[in-house]
Amino acid sequence: YLKKHKVALVVMESTDGLEIPAAKAIHRAGIAVIIANPRQTHQFAQSQSLTKTDAKDAKMLAFFAQMTAQKEGWQTMLYHPPTEAEEVLEALVNRRNQLVDMR
């Protein structure tokens, strides 16, 4: 769908990690992804006199992406998924921390 509509950049809000699988899939498809802080997008919506509601979020995020892509250095905001080795290491560290917490 995104390629069909020639989408070059996707911006999604951070939602406690729920956005990660979608961000990874979009990144794997060769489309640039930014995971934005919801506070930042809320401030952007307010600065543009846009109401931040669920019904208007998609349009606001698309506009946010357009404005972000026009800024110099926006590429530094891109999401880069962890490597498989980094994911394994993170899982091991999380498991170790769970075991330590159980003591």
Protein backbone atom coordinates (compact mmCIF):
# COMPACT_ATOMS: atom_id res chain seq x y z
CA TYR A 1 0.00 0.00 0.00
CA LEU A 2 2.72 2.47 0.98
CA LYS A 3 4.83 1.71 -2.09
CA LYS A 4 1.75 1.86 -4.33
CA HIS A 5 1.08 5.38 -3.05
CA LYS A 6 4.78 6.34 -3.27
CA VAL A 7 5.11 7.04 0.45
CA ALA A 8 8.75 7.88 1.20
CA LEU A 9 8.51 8.58 4.93
CA VAL A 10 6.26 7.20 7.66
CA VAL A 11 5.96 8.88 11.05
CA MET A 12 4.37 6.98 13.90
CA GLU A 13 4.04 7.86 17.55
CA SER A 14 5.83 5.91 20.21
CA THR A 15 3.34 3.71 22.08
CA ASP A 16 5.26 1.73 24.70
CA GLY A 17 6.87 -0.47 22.05
CA LEU A 18 3.68 -1.46 20.25
CA GLU A 19 4.90 0.47 17.21
CA ILE A 20 8.12 -1.56 16.85
CA PRO A 21 6.80 -4.49 14.75
CA ALA A 22 5.18 -2.10 12.26
CA ALA A 23 8.29 0.12 12.17
CA LYS A 24 10.48 -2.93 11.50
CA ALA A 25 8.21 -4.13 8.67
CA ILE A 26 8.08 -0.69 7.06
CA HIS A 27 11.87 -0.32 7.38
CA ARG A 28 12.38 -3.78 5.81
CA ALA A 29 10.17 -2.65 2.90
CA GLY A 30 12.69 0.12 2.22
CA ILE A 31 10.60 3.03 3.50
CA ALA A 32 12.03 5.56 5.93
CA VAL A 33 10.42 5.48 9.40
CA ILE A 34 10.47 7.96 12.27
CA ILE A 35 9.11 7.02 15.68
CA ALA A 36 8.10 10.34 17.17
CA ASN A 37 7.55 11.26 20.78
CA PRO A 38 3.78 11.82 21.26
CA ARG A 39 4.56 15.00 23.21
CA GLN A 40 6.41 16.35 20.16
CA THR A 41 3.54 15.58 17.78
CA HIS A 42 1.03 17.05 20.24
CA GLN A 43 3.05 20.28 20.39
CA PHE A 44 3.25 20.28 16.60
CA ALA A 45 -0.53 19.89 16.33
CA GLN A 46 -1.04 22.76 18.76
CA SER A 47 1.39 24.99 16.84
CA GLN A 48 -0.58 24.34 13.65
CA SER A 49 -3.95 24.87 15.35
CA LEU A 50 -4.74 21.21 14.74
CA THR A 51 -6.84 19.33 17.24
CA LYS A 52 -5.13 16.13 18.39
CA THR A 53 -7.88 13.53 18.35
CA ASP A 54 -7.85 9.94 17.15
CA ALA A 55 -9.86 10.91 14.06
CA LYS A 56 -7.33 13.56 13.02
CA ASP A 57 -4.08 11.87 14.11
CA ALA A 58 -3.29 10.27 10.73
CA LYS A 59 -3.62 13.55 8.84
CA MET A 60 -1.64 15.40 11.49
CA LEU A 61 1.15 12.78 11.42
CA ALA A 62 1.27 12.93 7.61
CA PHE A 63 1.61 16.72 7.79
CA PHE A 64 4.22 16.33 10.55
CA ALA A 65 6.15 13.96 8.25
CA GLN A 66 6.03 16.47 5.39
CA MET A 67 7.28 19.28 7.58
CA THR A 68 9.96 17.07 9.17
CA ALA A 69 11.25 15.94 5.78
CA GLN A 70 11.81 19.58 4.82
CA LYS A 71 14.10 20.20 7.80
CA GLU A 72 17.83 19.85 7.45
CA GLY A 73 19.16 16.75 9.19
CA TRP A 74 15.81 14.94 9.45
CA GLN A 75 17.58 11.71 8.54
CA THR A 76 19.10 11.60 12.03
CA MET A 77 15.58 10.93 13.36
CA LEU A 78 15.11 7.74 11.31
CA TYR A 79 14.33 4.47 13.05
CA HIS A 80 16.92 1.74 12.60
CA PRO A 81 15.82 -1.64 13.95
CA PRO A 82 18.24 -3.55 16.14
CA THR A 83 20.16 -6.40 14.62
CA GLU A 84 19.14 -9.94 15.48
CA ALA A 85 22.18 -10.20 17.79
CA GLU A 86 21.14 -7.01 19.60
CA GLU A 87 17.61 -8.37 20.06
CA VAL A 88 18.96 -11.63 21.50
CA LEU A 89 21.22 -9.71 23.86
CA GLU A 90 18.35 -7.48 24.99
CA ALA A 91 16.17 -10.54 25.66
CA LEU A 92 18.95 -12.15 27.71
CA VAL A 93 19.50 -8.99 29.75
CA ASN A 94 15.75 -8.66 30.36
CA ARG A 95 15.54 -12.29 31.48
CA ARG A 96 18.53 -11.86 33.80
CA ASN A 97 16.89 -8.76 35.32
CA GLN A 98 13.67 -10.71 35.86
CA LEU A 99 15.57 -13.43 37.69
CA VAL A 100 17.40 -10.89 39.83
CA ASP A 101 14.08 -9.20 40.70
CA MET A 102 12.62 -12.54 41.79
CA ARG A 103 15.27 -12.98 44.50
